[in-house]
PDB file of N, CA and C in Angstrom:
ATOM      1  N   MET A   1      14.092   4.409   0.980  1.00  0.00           N
ATOM      2  CA  MET A   1      14.120   3.191   1.304  1.00  0.00           C
ATOM      3  C   MET A   1      13.179   2.357   0.411  1.00  0.00           C
ATOM      4  N   HIS A   2      12.220   2.496  -0.380  1.00  0.00           N
ATOM      5  CA  HIS A   2      11.348   1.099  -0.857  1.00  0.00           C
ATOM      6  C   HIS A   2      12.879   0.651  -1.154  1.00  0.00           C
ATOM      7  N   GLY A   3      12.806  -0.868  -1.662  1.00  0.00           N
ATOM      8  CA  GLY A   3      13.483  -1.448  -2.336  1.00  0.00           C
ATOM      9  C   GLY A   3      15.124  -1.461  -2.384  1.00  0.00           C
ATOM     10  N   ASN A   4      15.539  -0.490  -2.068  1.00  0.00           N
ATOM     11  CA  ASN A   4      16.911  -0.414  -0.971  1.00  0.00           C
ATOM     12  C   ASN A   4      17.231  -1.874   0.074  1.00  0.00           C
ATOM     13  N   VAL A   5      17.467  -2.844  -0.346  1.00  0.00           N
ATOM     14  CA  VAL A   5      17.310  -4.074   0.507  1.00  0.00           C
ATOM     15  C   VAL A   5      19.058  -3.883   1.054  1.00  0.00           C
ATOM     16  N   GLU A   6      19.953  -3.698   0.263  1.00  0.00           N
ATOM     17  CA  GLU A   6      20.806  -3.523   1.871  1.00  0.00           C
ATOM     18  C   GLU A   6      21.212  -2.359   2.360  1.00  0.00           C
ATOM     19  N   MET A   7      20.521  -0.905   1.789  1.00  0.00           N
ATOM     20  CA  MET A   7      20.343   0.668   2.774  1.00  0.00           C
ATOM     21  C   MET A   7      19.537  -0.005   4.336  1.00  0.00           C
ATOM     22  N   VAL A   8      18.490  -0.564   3.634  1.00  0.00           N
ATOM     23  CA  VAL A   8      18.073  -1.408   4.866  1.00  0.00           C
ATOM     24  C   VAL A   8      18.425  -1.849   6.050  1.00  0.00           C
ATOM     25  N   GLU A   9      19.286  -3.282   5.368  1.00  0.00           N
ATOM     26  CA  GLU A   9      19.486  -3.894   6.346  1.00  0.00           C
ATOM     27  C   GLU A   9      20.653  -3.271   7.454  1.00  0.00           C
ATOM     28  N   ARG A  10      21.282  -2.309   6.906  1.00  0.00           N
ATOM     29  CA  ARG A  10      22.132  -1.546   7.402  1.00  0.00           C
ATOM     30  C   ARG A  10      20.842  -0.772   8.526  1.00  0.00           C
ATOM     31  N   LEU A  11      20.137   0.284   8.536  1.00  0.00           N
ATOM     32  CA  LEU A  11      19.466   1.242   8.991  1.00  0.00           C
ATOM     33  C   LEU A  11      18.178  -0.362   9.998  1.00  0.00           C
ATOM     34  N   ALA A  12      18.853  -1.448   9.388  1.00  0.00           N
ATOM     35  CA  ALA A  12      17.205  -2.129  10.183  1.00  0.00           C
ATOM     36  C   ALA A  12      17.468  -2.134  12.255  1.00  0.00           C
ATOM     37  N   ASP A  13      18.353  -2.129  12.547  1.00  0.00           N
ATOM     38  CA  ASP A  13      18.927  -2.005  14.172  1.00  0.00           C
ATOM     39  C   ASP A  13      18.186  -0.825  14.245  1.00  0.00           C
ATOM     40  N   PRO A  14      19.396   0.504  14.174  1.00  0.00           N
ATOM     41  CA  PRO A  14      19.479   1.968  14.721  1.00  0.00           C
ATOM     42  C   PRO A  14      17.856   2.129  14.160  1.00  0.00           C
ATOM     43  N   LEU A  15      16.573   1.321  13.704  1.00  0.00           N
ATOM     44  CA  LEU A  15      16.106   1.564  13.206  1.00  0.00           C
ATOM     45  C   LEU A  15      14.707   1.194  14.408  1.00  0.00           C
ATOM     46  N   MET A  16      15.290   0.009  14.683  1.00  0.00           N
ATOM     47  CA  MET A  16      14.273  -0.942  15.973  1.00  0.00           C
ATOM     48  C   MET A  16      14.481  -0.381  17.553  1.00  0.00           C
ATOM     49  N   ARG A  17      15.584   0.624  17.273  1.00  0.00           N
ATOM     50  CA  ARG A  17      16.343   0.712  18.458  1.00  0.00           C
ATOM     51  C   ARG A  17      15.514   2.530  18.703  1.00  0.00           C
ATOM     52  N   LEU A  18      14.941   2.670  17.471  1.00  0.00           N
ATOM     53  CA  LEU A  18      14.820   4.443  17.662  1.00  0.00           C
ATOM     54  C   LEU A  18      12.956   4.248  17.788  1.00  0.00           C
ATOM     55  N   GLU A  19      12.184   3.234  17.659  1.00  0.00           N
ATOM     56  CA  GLU A  19      10.951   2.740  17.215  1.00  0.00           C
ATOM     57  C   GLU A  19      10.669   2.141  17.912  1.00  0.00           C
ATOM     58  N   PRO A  20      11.149   0.859  18.879  1.00  0.00           N
ATOM     59  CA  PRO A  20      10.914  -0.130  19.074  1.00  0.00           C
ATOM     60  C   PRO A  20       9.667  -0.811  18.987  1.00  0.00           C
ATOM     61  N   THR A  21       8.036   0.247  19.014  1.00  0.00           N
ATOM     62  CA  THR A  21       7.066  -0.031  18.481  1.00  0.00           C
ATOM     63  C   THR A  21       6.127   0.311  18.080  1.00  0.00           C
ATOM     64  N   GLU A  22       7.110   0.463  16.688  1.00  0.00           N
ATOM     65  CA  GLU A  22       6.219   1.565  15.425  1.00  0.00           C
ATOM     66  C   GLU A  22       6.583   0.457  14.075  1.00  0.00           C
ATOM     67  N   SER A  23       5.068   0.275  14.126  1.00  0.00           N
ATOM     68  CA  SER A  23       4.961  -1.023  12.845  1.00  0.00           C
ATOM     69  C   SER A  23       5.414  -1.327  11.895  1.00  0.00           C
ATOM     70  N   GLY A  24       5.422   0.524  11.580  1.00  0.00           N
ATOM     71  CA  GLY A  24       5.823   0.306   9.347  1.00  0.00           C
ATOM     72  C   GLY A  24       7.386   0.191   9.952  1.00  0.00           C
ATOM     73  N   SER A  25       7.856   0.600  11.184  1.00  0.00           N
ATOM     74  CA  SER A  25       9.306  -0.263  10.997  1.00  0.00           C
ATOM     75  C   SER A  25       9.185  -1.366  10.266  1.00  0.00           C
ATOM     76  N   PHE A  26       8.528  -2.746  11.350  1.00  0.00           N
ATOM     77  CA  PHE A  26       9.138  -3.812  10.927  1.00  0.00           C
ATOM     78  C   PHE A  26       8.503  -4.589   9.719  1.00  0.00           C
ATOM     79  N   VAL A  27       7.040  -3.419   9.516  1.00  0.00           N
ATOM     80  CA  VAL A  27       6.711  -3.914   8.158  1.00  0.00           C
ATOM     81  C   VAL A  27       7.045  -4.206   7.085  1.00  0.00           C
ATOM     82  N   LEU A  28       8.063  -2.572   7.074  1.00  0.00           N
ATOM     83  CA  LEU A  28       8.818  -2.470   5.682  1.00  0.00           C
ATOM     84  C   LEU A  28       9.884  -3.004   6.037  1.00  0.00           C
ATOM     85  N   ILE A  29      11.040  -3.453   7.283  1.00  0.00           N
ATOM     86  CA  ILE A  29      11.692  -4.740   6.541  1.00  0.00           C
ATOM     87  C   ILE A  29      11.539  -5.950   6.505  1.00  0.00           C
ATOM     88  N   SER A  30      10.480  -6.369   7.220  1.00  0.00           N
ATOM     89  CA  SER A  30       9.750  -7.739   7.049  1.00  0.00           C
ATOM     90  C   SER A  30       9.453  -7.434   4.898  1.00  0.00           C
ATOM     91  N   ASN A  31       9.044  -6.563   4.586  1.00  0.00           N
ATOM     92  CA  ASN A  31       8.881  -6.384   3.381  1.00  0.00           C
ATOM     93  C   ASN A  31       9.373  -6.475   2.191  1.00  0.00           C
ATOM     94  N   LEU A  32      10.951  -6.108   2.458  1.00  0.00           N
ATOM     95  CA  LEU A  32      12.483  -5.853   1.647  1.00  0.00           C
ATOM     96  C   LEU A  32      12.322  -7.284   1.917  1.00  0.00           C
ATOM     97  N   TYR A  33      12.884  -8.018   3.649  1.00  0.00           N
ATOM     98  CA  TYR A  33      13.088  -9.211   3.369  1.00  0.00           C
ATOM     99  C   TYR A  33      12.043 -10.194   1.929  1.00  0.00           C
ATOM    100  N   ALA A  34      10.778  -9.948   2.301  1.00  0.00           N
ATOM    101  CA  ALA A  34       9.629 -10.645   1.732  1.00  0.00           C
ATOM    102  C   ALA A  34      10.519 -11.191   0.017  1.00  0.00           C
ATOM    103  N   LYS A  35      10.989  -9.651  -0.381  1.00  0.00           N
ATOM    104  CA  LYS A  35      10.824  -8.922  -1.667  1.00  0.00           C
ATOM    105  C   LYS A  35      12.379  -9.679  -2.224  1.00  0.00           C
ATOM    106  N   LYS A  36      13.661  -9.595  -0.929  1.00  0.00           N
ATOM    107  CA  LYS A  36      14.747 -10.164  -1.507  1.00  0.00           C
ATOM    108  C   LYS A  36      14.526 -12.075  -1.517  1.00  0.00           C
ATOM    109  N   GLY A  37      13.497 -12.371  -1.046  1.00  0.00           N
ATOM    110  CA  GLY A  37      13.340 -13.930  -0.995  1.00  0.00           C
ATOM    111  C   GLY A  37      14.033 -14.566   0.409  1.00  0.00           C
ATOM    112  N   ASP A  38      14.229 -13.518   1.513  1.00  0.00           N
ATOM    113  CA  ASP A  38      14.742 -14.180   2.432  1.00  0.00           C
ATOM    114  C   ASP A  38      13.672 -14.746   3.547  1.00  0.00           C
ATOM    115  N   TRP A  39      12.655 -15.886   3.489  1.00  0.00           N
ATOM    116  CA  TRP A  39      11.608 -15.985   4.496  1.00  0.00           C
ATOM    117  C   TRP A  39      12.185 -16.230   5.671  1.00  0.00           C
ATOM    118  N   GLU A  40      13.439 -16.672   5.985  1.00  0.00           N
ATOM    119  CA  GLU A  40      13.763 -16.937   7.148  1.00  0.00           C
ATOM    120  C   GLU A  40      13.858 -15.651   7.542  1.00  0.00           C
ATOM    121  N   MET A  41      14.683 -14.839   7.475  1.00  0.00           N
ATOM    122  CA  MET A  41      14.547 -13.618   7.565  1.00  0.00           C
ATOM    123  C   MET A  41      12.772 -13.162   8.213  1.00  0.00           C
ATOM    124  N   VAL A  42      12.496 -12.794   7.048  1.00  0.00           N
ATOM    125  CA  VAL A  42      10.933 -12.623   7.307  1.00  0.00           C
ATOM    126  C   VAL A  42       9.965 -12.631   8.499  1.00  0.00           C
ATOM    127  N   ALA A  43       9.972 -14.363   8.699  1.00  0.00           N
ATOM    128  CA  ALA A  43       9.657 -14.879  10.106  1.00  0.00           C
ATOM    129  C   ALA A  43      10.355 -14.251  11.374  1.00  0.00           C
ATOM    130  N   LYS A  44      11.341 -14.190  10.929  1.00  0.00           N
ATOM    131  CA  LYS A  44      12.599 -13.824  12.074  1.00  0.00           C
ATOM    132  C   LYS A  44      12.057 -11.655  12.363  1.00  0.00           C
ATOM    133  N   VAL A  45      11.727 -11.014  11.836  1.00  0.00           N
ATOM    134  CA  VAL A  45      11.238  -9.992  12.036  1.00  0.00           C
ATOM    135  C   VAL A  45       9.739 -10.000  12.776  1.00  0.00           C
ATOM    136  N   ARG A  46       9.064 -10.787  11.596  1.00  0.00           N
ATOM    137  CA  ARG A  46       7.854 -10.883  12.491  1.00  0.00           C
ATOM    138  C   ARG A  46       8.003 -11.569  13.941  1.00  0.00           C
ATOM    139  N   LYS A  47       8.361 -12.616  14.265  1.00  0.00           N
ATOM    140  CA  LYS A  47       8.502 -12.962  15.251  1.00  0.00           C
ATOM    141  C   LYS A  47       8.735 -11.826  16.384  1.00  0.00           C
ATOM    142  N   GLY A  48      10.422 -11.281  15.701  1.00  0.00           N
ATOM    143  CA  GLY A  48      10.420  -9.961  16.712  1.00  0.00           C
ATOM    144  C   GLY A  48       9.098  -9.079  17.132  1.00  0.00           C
ATOM    145  N   MET A  49       7.805  -8.703  15.897  1.00  0.00           N
ATOM    146  CA  MET A  49       7.310  -8.160  15.940  1.00  0.00           C
ATOM    147  C   MET A  49       5.825  -8.406  17.273  1.00  0.00           C
ATOM    148  N   ARG A  50       5.475 -10.302  17.188  1.00  0.00           N
ATOM    149  CA  ARG A  50       4.819 -10.580  17.918  1.00  0.00           C
ATOM    150  C   ARG A  50       5.262 -10.041  19.361  1.00  0.00           C
ATOM    151  N   ASP A  51       6.577 -11.087  19.521  1.00  0.00           N
ATOM    152  CA  ASP A  51       6.809 -10.829  21.094  1.00  0.00           C
ATOM    153  C   ASP A  51       7.238  -9.251  21.565  1.00  0.00           C
ATOM    154  N   LYS A  52       7.490  -8.330  20.851  1.00  0.00           N
ATOM    155  CA  LYS A  52       7.107  -7.083  21.316  1.00  0.00           C
ATOM    156  C   LYS A  52       5.414  -6.558  21.547  1.00  0.00           C
ATOM    157  N   GLY A  53       4.774  -7.597  21.490  1.00  0.00           N
ATOM    158  CA  GLY A  53       3.199  -6.595  21.138  1.00  0.00           C
ATOM    159  C   GLY A  53       2.862  -6.550  20.128  1.00  0.00           C
ATOM    160  N   VAL A  54       3.678  -5.793  19.109  1.00  0.00           N
ATOM    161  CA  VAL A  54       3.344  -4.817  18.537  1.00  0.00           C
ATOM    162  C   VAL A  54       2.757  -5.257  17.376  1.00  0.00           C
ATOM    163  N   ARG A  55       1.260  -4.402  16.791  1.00  0.00           N
ATOM    164  CA  ARG A  55       0.650  -4.877  15.975  1.00  0.00           C
ATOM    165  C   ARG A  55       0.647  -3.660  14.844  1.00  0.00           C
ATOM    166  N   LYS A  56       0.724  -4.646  13.348  1.00  0.00           N
ATOM    167  CA  LYS A  56       0.288  -3.624  12.212  1.00  0.00           C
ATOM    168  C   LYS A  56      -0.929  -2.555  11.930  1.00  0.00           C
ATOM    169  N   ARG A  57      -0.297  -1.120  12.139  1.00  0.00           N
ATOM    170  CA  ARG A  57      -1.662   0.017  12.121  1.00  0.00           C
ATOM    171  C   ARG A  57      -2.350  -0.117  11.201  1.00  0.00           C
ATOM    172  N   VAL A  58      -3.867  -0.786  10.990  1.00  0.00           N
ATOM    173  CA  VAL A  58      -4.527  -0.322   9.965  1.00  0.00           C
ATOM    174  C   VAL A  58      -4.552   1.206   9.017  1.00  0.00           C
ATOM    175  N   GLY A  59      -4.134   0.433   7.213  1.00  0.00           N
ATOM    176  CA  GLY A  59      -4.011   1.932   6.528  1.00  0.00           C
ATOM    177  C   GLY A  59      -5.520   1.904   6.339  1.00  0.00           C
ATOM    178  N   TYR A  60      -5.555   3.173   6.436  1.00  0.00           N
ATOM    179  CA  TYR A  60      -6.919   4.005   5.206  1.00  0.00           C
ATOM    180  C   TYR A  60      -6.322   4.045   3.746  1.00  0.00           C
ATOM    181  N   SER A  61      -7.442   4.199   3.493  1.00  0.00           N
ATOM    182  CA  SER A  61      -7.935   5.246   1.716  1.00  0.00           C
ATOM    183  C   SER A  61      -8.756   5.732   2.250  1.00  0.00           C
ATOM    184  N   TRP A  62      -8.534   6.975   0.899  1.00  0.00           N
ATOM    185  CA  TRP A  62     -10.371   8.253   1.154  1.00  0.00           C
ATOM    186  C   TRP A  62     -10.482   8.216  -0.701  1.00  0.00           C
ATOM    187  N   VAL A  63     -11.593   8.208  -1.346  1.00  0.00           N
ATOM    188  CA  VAL A  63     -11.687   8.193  -2.230  1.00  0.00           C
ATOM    189  C   VAL A  63     -12.866   8.789  -1.894  1.00  0.00           C
ATOM    190  N   ASP A  64     -13.283   9.968  -3.280  1.00  0.00           N
ATOM    191  CA  ASP A  64     -14.454  11.221  -3.547  1.00  0.00           C
ATOM    192  C   ASP A  64     -15.113  10.292  -4.362  1.00  0.00           C
ATOM    193  N   ILE A  65     -16.091  10.739  -3.615  1.00  0.00           N
ATOM    194  CA  ILE A  65     -17.947  10.067  -4.879  1.00  0.00           C
ATOM    195  C   ILE A  65     -18.303  10.862  -5.063  1.00  0.00           C
ATOM    196  N   GLY A  66     -18.665  11.023  -6.315  1.00  0.00           N
ATOM    197  CA  GLY A  66     -19.580  12.290  -7.452  1.00  0.00           C
ATOM    198  C   GLY A  66     -20.020  11.841  -6.842  1.00  0.00           C
ATOM    199  N   ASP A  67     -22.273  12.810  -6.716  1.00  0.00           N
ATOM    200  CA  ASP A  67     -23.311  12.270  -6.751  1.00  0.00           C
ATOM    201  C   ASP A  67     -23.928  12.739  -7.860  1.00  0.00           C
ATOM    202  N   ALA A  68     -24.998  12.594  -8.802  1.00  0.00           N
ATOM    203  CA  ALA A  68     -25.564  13.342  -9.359  1.00  0.00           C
ATOM    204  C   ALA A  68     -25.259  14.862  -9.538  1.00  0.00           C
ATOM    205  N   ASP A  69     -26.274  15.495  -7.737  1.00  0.00           N
ATOM    206  CA  ASP A  69     -26.154  16.576  -8.809  1.00  0.00           C
ATOM    207  C   ASP A  69     -24.691  17.385  -8.501  1.00  0.00           C
ATOM    208  N   GLY A  70     -23.549  16.140  -8.803  1.00  0.00           N
ATOM    209  CA  GLY A  70     -22.523  16.796  -9.077  1.00  0.00           C
ATOM    210  C   GLY A  70     -21.360  17.662  -7.971  1.00  0.00           C
ATOM    211  N   SER A  71     -22.334  16.969  -6.586  1.00  0.00           N
ATOM    212  CA  SER A  71     -21.438  16.774  -5.175  1.00  0.00           C
ATOM    213  C   SER A  71     -20.436  16.162  -4.927  1.00  0.00           C
ATOM    214  N   LEU A  72     -19.326  16.506  -4.384  1.00  0.00           N
ATOM    215  CA  LEU A  72     -18.386  14.362  -3.417  1.00  0.00           C
ATOM    216  C   LEU A  72     -18.158  14.460  -2.550  1.00  0.00           C
ATOM    217  N   TYR A  73     -18.322  14.052  -2.232  1.00  0.00           N
ATOM    218  CA  TYR A  73     -18.006  13.391  -0.398  1.00  0.00           C
ATOM    219  C   TYR A  73     -16.554  12.311  -1.040  1.00  0.00           C
ATOM    220  N   LEU A  74     -16.039  12.338   0.997  1.00  0.00           N
ATOM    221  CA  LEU A  74     -15.231  12.073   0.796  1.00  0.00           C
ATOM    222  C   LEU A  74     -15.062  11.044   1.701  1.00  0.00           C
ATOM    223  N   HIS A  75     -15.304   8.997   1.744  1.00  0.00           N
ATOM    224  CA  HIS A  75     -15.277   8.749   2.185  1.00  0.00           C
ATOM    225  C   HIS A  75     -13.818   7.963   2.552  1.00  0.00           C
ATOM    226  N   ALA A  76     -14.032   7.582   3.984  1.00  0.00           N
ATOM    227  CA  ALA A  76     -12.336   6.857   4.206  1.00  0.00           C
ATOM    228  C   ALA A  76     -12.656   5.578   4.033  1.00  0.00           C
ATOM    229  N   PHE A  77     -11.607   4.466   3.705  1.00  0.00           N
ATOM    230  CA  PHE A  77     -12.441   2.792   3.594  1.00  0.00           C
ATOM    231  C   PHE A  77     -10.846   2.522   4.364  1.00  0.00           C
ATOM    232  N   SER A  78     -11.122   0.665   4.748  1.00  0.00           N
ATOM    233  CA  SER A  78     -10.076  -0.036   5.024  1.00  0.00           C
ATOM    234  C   SER A  78      -9.769  -0.884   4.610  1.00  0.00           C
ATOM    235  N   SER A  79      -8.661  -1.713   4.088  1.00  0.00           N
ATOM    236  CA  SER A  79      -9.018  -2.805   3.247  1.00  0.00           C
ATOM    237  C   SER A  79     -10.069  -3.808   4.127  1.00  0.00           C
ATOM    238  N   GLY A  80     -11.104  -4.870   2.419  1.00  0.00           N
ATOM    239  CA  GLY A  80     -11.708  -5.632   3.924  1.00  0.00           C
ATOM    240  C   GLY A  80     -13.274  -4.598   4.248  1.00  0.00           C
ATOM    241  N   ASP A  81     -13.462  -3.236   4.414  1.00  0.00           N
ATOM    242  CA  ASP A  81     -14.573  -3.024   4.874  1.00  0.00           C
ATOM    243  C   ASP A  81     -15.076  -2.965   3.370  1.00  0.00           C
ATOM    244  N   THR A  82     -16.868  -2.811   3.935  1.00  0.00           N
ATOM    245  CA  THR A  82     -17.830  -2.473   3.063  1.00  0.00           C
ATOM    246  C   THR A  82     -18.909  -1.782   3.621  1.00  0.00           C
ATOM    247  N   SER A  83     -18.976  -0.876   4.445  1.00  0.00           N
ATOM    248  CA  SER A  83     -19.719  -0.239   5.123  1.00  0.00           C
ATOM    249  C   SER A  83     -20.577   0.972   3.957  1.00  0.00           C
ATOM    250  N   HIS A  84     -19.781   1.149   2.892  1.00  0.00           N
ATOM    251  CA  HIS A  84     -20.262   2.315   1.972  1.00  0.00           C
ATOM    252  C   HIS A  84     -21.190   1.545   0.748  1.00  0.00           C
ATOM    253  N   PRO A  85     -22.120   2.394   0.843  1.00  0.00           N
ATOM    254  CA  PRO A  85     -23.558   1.430  -0.068  1.00  0.00           C
ATOM    255  C   PRO A  85     -22.818   1.474  -1.505  1.00  0.00           C
ATOM    256  N   GLN A  86     -21.478   1.866  -1.914  1.00  0.00           N
ATOM    257  CA  GLN A  86     -20.795   1.974  -3.373  1.00  0.00           C
ATOM    258  C   GLN A  86     -19.156   0.917  -3.150  1.00  0.00           C
ATOM    259  N   SER A  87     -19.456   0.103  -2.429  1.00  0.00           N
ATOM    260  CA  SER A  87     -18.317  -0.278  -1.626  1.00  0.00           C
ATOM    261  C   SER A  87     -17.916  -1.421  -3.040  1.00  0.00           C
ATOM    262  N   GLY A  88     -18.735  -2.047  -4.024  1.00  0.00           N
ATOM    263  CA  GLY A  88     -18.867  -2.830  -5.008  1.00  0.00           C
ATOM    264  C   GLY A  88     -17.739  -2.271  -6.032  1.00  0.00           C
ATOM    265  N   GLU A  89     -19.117  -0.547  -6.129  1.00  0.00           N
ATOM    266  CA  GLU A  89     -17.764   0.153  -7.338  1.00  0.00           C
ATOM    267  C   GLU A  89     -16.663   0.558  -6.993  1.00  0.00           C
ATOM    268  N   ILE A  90     -16.155   1.113  -5.610  1.00  0.00           N
ATOM    269  CA  ILE A  90     -14.924   1.509  -5.526  1.00  0.00           C
ATOM    270  C   ILE A  90     -14.462   0.341  -5.631  1.00  0.00           C
ATOM    271  N   CYS A  91     -14.641  -0.557  -4.920  1.00  0.00           N
ATOM    272  CA  CYS A  91     -13.523  -1.772  -5.504  1.00  0.00           C
ATOM    273  C   CYS A  91     -13.215  -2.088  -6.517  1.00  0.00           C
ATOM    274  N   ARG A  92     -14.608  -2.036  -7.284  1.00  0.00           N
ATOM    275  CA  ARG A  92     -13.889  -2.631  -8.778  1.00  0.00           C
ATOM    276  C   ARG A  92     -13.206  -1.209  -9.753  1.00  0.00           C
ATOM    277  N   MET A  93     -13.581  -0.034  -9.177  1.00  0.00           N
ATOM    278  CA  MET A  93     -12.933   1.525  -9.307  1.00  0.00           C
ATOM    279  C   MET A  93     -11.200   1.200  -9.406  1.00  0.00           C
ATOM    280  N   ALA A  94     -10.826   1.311  -8.007  1.00  0.00           N
ATOM    281  CA  ALA A  94      -9.758   0.479  -7.888  1.00  0.00           C
ATOM    282  C   ALA A  94      -8.314  -0.508  -8.265  1.00  0.00           C
ATOM    283  N   LYS A  95      -9.383  -1.953  -8.389  1.00  0.00           N
ATOM    284  CA  LYS A  95      -9.053  -2.972  -9.418  1.00  0.00           C
ATOM    285  C   LYS A  95      -8.633  -2.124 -10.804  1.00  0.00           C
ATOM    286  N   CYS A  96      -9.670  -1.768 -11.166  1.00  0.00           N
ATOM    287  CA  CYS A  96      -8.947  -0.900 -12.815  1.00  0.00           C
ATOM    288  C   CYS A  96      -7.824  -0.388 -12.427  1.00  0.00           C
ATOM    289  N   LEU A  97      -7.900   0.871 -11.872  1.00  0.00           N
ATOM    290  CA  LEU A  97      -6.527   2.128 -11.301  1.00  0.00           C
ATOM    291  C   LEU A  97      -5.119   1.106 -11.522  1.00  0.00           C
ATOM    292  N   GLY A  98      -5.503  -0.225 -10.591  1.00  0.00           N
ATOM    293  CA  GLY A  98      -4.445  -0.769 -10.447  1.00  0.00           C
ATOM    294  C   GLY A  98      -3.542  -1.875 -11.299  1.00  0.00           C
ATOM    295  N   LEU A  99      -4.591  -2.214 -12.399  1.00  0.00           N
ATOM    296  CA  LEU A  99      -4.188  -3.018 -13.215  1.00  0.00           C
ATOM    297  C   LEU A  99      -3.666  -2.375 -14.522  1.00  0.00           C
ATOM    298  N   GLU A 100      -4.774  -0.678 -14.731  1.00  0.00           N
ATOM    299  CA  GLU A 100      -3.934   0.353 -15.428  1.00  0.00           C
ATOM    300  C   GLU A 100      -2.423   0.946 -15.343  1.00  0.00           C
ATOM    301  N   THR A 101      -3.038   1.224 -13.841  1.00  0.00           N
ATOM    302  CA  THR A 101      -0.883   1.412 -13.197  1.00  0.00           C
ATOM    303  C   THR A 101      -0.154   0.104 -13.812  1.00  0.00           C
ATOM    304  N   LYS A 102       0.025  -0.829 -14.180  1.00  0.00           N
ATOM    305  CA  LYS A 102       0.367  -2.419 -14.006  1.00  0.00           C
ATOM    306  C   LYS A 102       0.916  -1.931 -15.277  1.00  0.00           C
ATOM    307  N   PHE A 103      -0.530  -2.132 -16.063  1.00  0.00           N
ATOM    308  CA  PHE A 103       0.144  -1.641 -17.532  1.00  0.00           C
ATOM    309  C   PHE A 103       0.745  -0.986 -18.424  1.00  0.00           C
ATOM    310  N   LEU A 104       0.914   0.629 -17.944  1.00  0.00           N
ATOM    311  CA  LEU A 104       2.002   1.543 -17.973  1.00  0.00           C
ATOM    312  C   LEU A 104       3.094   1.160 -17.498  1.00  0.00           C
ATOM    313  N   ARG A 105       3.017   0.566 -16.237  1.00  0.00           N
ATOM    314  CA  ARG A 105       4.418   0.205 -15.703  1.00  0.00           C
ATOM    315  C   ARG A 105       5.514  -0.628 -16.683  1.00  0.00           C
ATOM    316  N   GLU A 106       4.390  -1.698 -16.941  1.00  0.00           N
ATOM    317  CA  GLU A 106       4.991  -2.679 -17.730  1.00  0.00           C
ATOM    318  C   GLU A 106       5.154  -1.745 -19.427  1.00  0.00           C
ATOM    319  N   ASN A 107       4.719  -1.127 -19.898  1.00  0.00           N
ATOM    320  CA  ASN A 107       5.073  -0.969 -20.700  1.00  0.00           C
ATOM    321  C   ASN A 107       5.124   0.059 -21.395  1.00  0.00           C
ATOM    322  N   MET A 108       5.324   1.160 -20.255  1.00  0.00           N
ATOM    323  CA  MET A 108       5.879   2.633 -21.056  1.00  0.00           C
ATOM    324  C   MET A 108       7.266   2.884 -19.771  1.00  0.00           C
ATOM    325  N   GLY A 109       7.421   1.766 -18.781  1.00  0.00           N
ATOM    326  CA  GLY A 109       8.426   2.339 -18.426  1.00  0.00           C
ATOM    327  C   GLY A 109       8.108   3.142 -16.567  1.00  0.00           C
ATOM    328  N   GLU A 110       9.466   3.538 -16.038  1.00  0.00           N
ATOM    329  CA  GLU A 110       8.767   4.406 -15.211  1.00  0.00           C
ATOM    330  C   GLU A 110       9.272   5.609 -15.362  1.00  0.00           C
ATOM    331  N   THR A 111      10.176   5.690 -16.782  1.00  0.00           N
ATOM    332  CA  THR A 111      10.810   7.460 -17.176  1.00  0.00           C
ATOM    333  C   THR A 111       9.800   8.134 -18.062  1.00  0.00           C
ATOM    334  N   LYS A 112       8.830   7.352 -18.446  1.00  0.00           N
ATOM    335  CA  LYS A 112       8.262   7.841 -19.272  1.00  0.00           C
ATOM    336  C   LYS A 112       6.486   8.799 -18.552  1.00  0.00           C
ATOM    337  N   SER A 113       6.500   9.478 -19.195  1.00  0.00           N
ATOM    338  CA  SER A 113       5.114   9.807 -19.009  1.00  0.00           C
ATOM    339  C   SER A 113       4.119   9.883 -20.098  1.00  0.00           C
ATOM    340  N   LEU A 114       2.739  10.006 -19.276  1.00  0.00           N
ATOM    341  CA  LEU A 114       1.936  10.094 -19.894  1.00  0.00           C
ATOM    342  C   LEU A 114       0.742  10.944 -18.932  1.00  0.00           C
ATOM    343  N   LYS A 115      -0.337  10.966 -20.518  1.00  0.00           N
ATOM    344  CA  LYS A 115      -1.894  11.989 -20.132  1.00  0.00           C
ATOM    345  C   LYS A 115      -2.260  11.331 -19.210  1.00  0.00           C
ATOM    346  N   MET A 116      -2.540  10.502 -18.169  1.00  0.00           N
ATOM    347  CA  MET A 116      -3.829   9.561 -17.515  1.00  0.00           C
ATOM    348  C   MET A 116      -5.477  10.242 -18.034  1.00  0.00           C
ATOM    349  N   ASP A 117      -5.168  11.201 -18.112  1.00  0.00           N
ATOM    350  CA  ASP A 117      -7.023  11.513 -18.643  1.00  0.00           C
ATOM    351  C   ASP A 117      -7.455  10.622 -19.958  1.00  0.00           C
ATOM    352  N   SER A 118      -6.446  10.182 -20.630  1.00  0.00           N
ATOM    353  CA  SER A 118      -6.763   9.373 -22.098  1.00  0.00           C
ATOM    354  C   SER A 118      -7.415   8.797 -21.738  1.00  0.00           C
ATOM    355  N   PHE A 119      -7.178   8.065 -20.552  1.00  0.00           N
ATOM    356  CA  PHE A 119      -8.105   6.702 -20.398  1.00  0.00           C
ATOM    357  C   PHE A 119      -9.294   6.728 -20.310  1.00  0.00           C
ATOM    358  N   SER A 120     -10.431   6.382 -20.396  1.00  0.00           N
ATOM    359  CA  SER A 120     -11.233   6.595 -19.967  1.00  0.00           C
ATOM    360  C   SER A 120     -11.963   5.634 -18.320  1.00  0.00           C
ATOM    361  N   ARG A 121     -12.842   5.911 -17.525  1.00  0.00           N
ATOM    362  CA  ARG A 121     -12.444   4.931 -16.513  1.00  0.00           C
ATOM    363  C   ARG A 121     -14.300   4.876 -16.133  1.00  0.00           C
ATOM    364  N   PRO A 122     -14.953   3.809 -15.520  1.00  0.00           N
ATOM    365  CA  PRO A 122     -16.363   3.746 -15.070  1.00  0.00           C
ATOM    366  C   PRO A 122     -16.929   4.272 -13.852  1.00  0.00           C
ATOM    367  N   SER A 123     -17.529   5.136 -14.272  1.00  0.00           N
ATOM    368  CA  SER A 123     -18.117   6.381 -13.715  1.00  0.00           C
ATOM    369  C   SER A 123     -19.229   5.370 -11.631  1.00  0.00           C
ATOM    370  N   LEU A 124     -18.945   6.389 -10.841  1.00  0.00           N
ATOM    371  CA  LEU A 124     -19.527   5.332  -9.349  1.00  0.00           C
ATOM    372  C   LEU A 124     -21.108   5.827 -10.057  1.00  0.00           C
TER     373      LEU A 124
END
């Protein structure tokens, strides 16, 4: 459904009736209206969310952090989380990966594949 505004518009009402307290439905619909540039509908969806007391669920990401002895540790974090001592390096790495992904999408196209290990990344 990502990016297909017309399909989501047809499914919005049934989806909201099926899962009236699920924040993901509201966020998906709001984001697609935003992509379309329909800011009036974005505001309407967000107001509906507030009126129903639906709050966006916090999303988490996980990162493997290597140690000098070769062991890996898994750390879960959310946006703005600075609880890990290496959070600055983790954020820099995530930004680097995001820039590489953007570069590949813009210059290689979605349909071409590229061996990702050909890129050097800073170590943590």
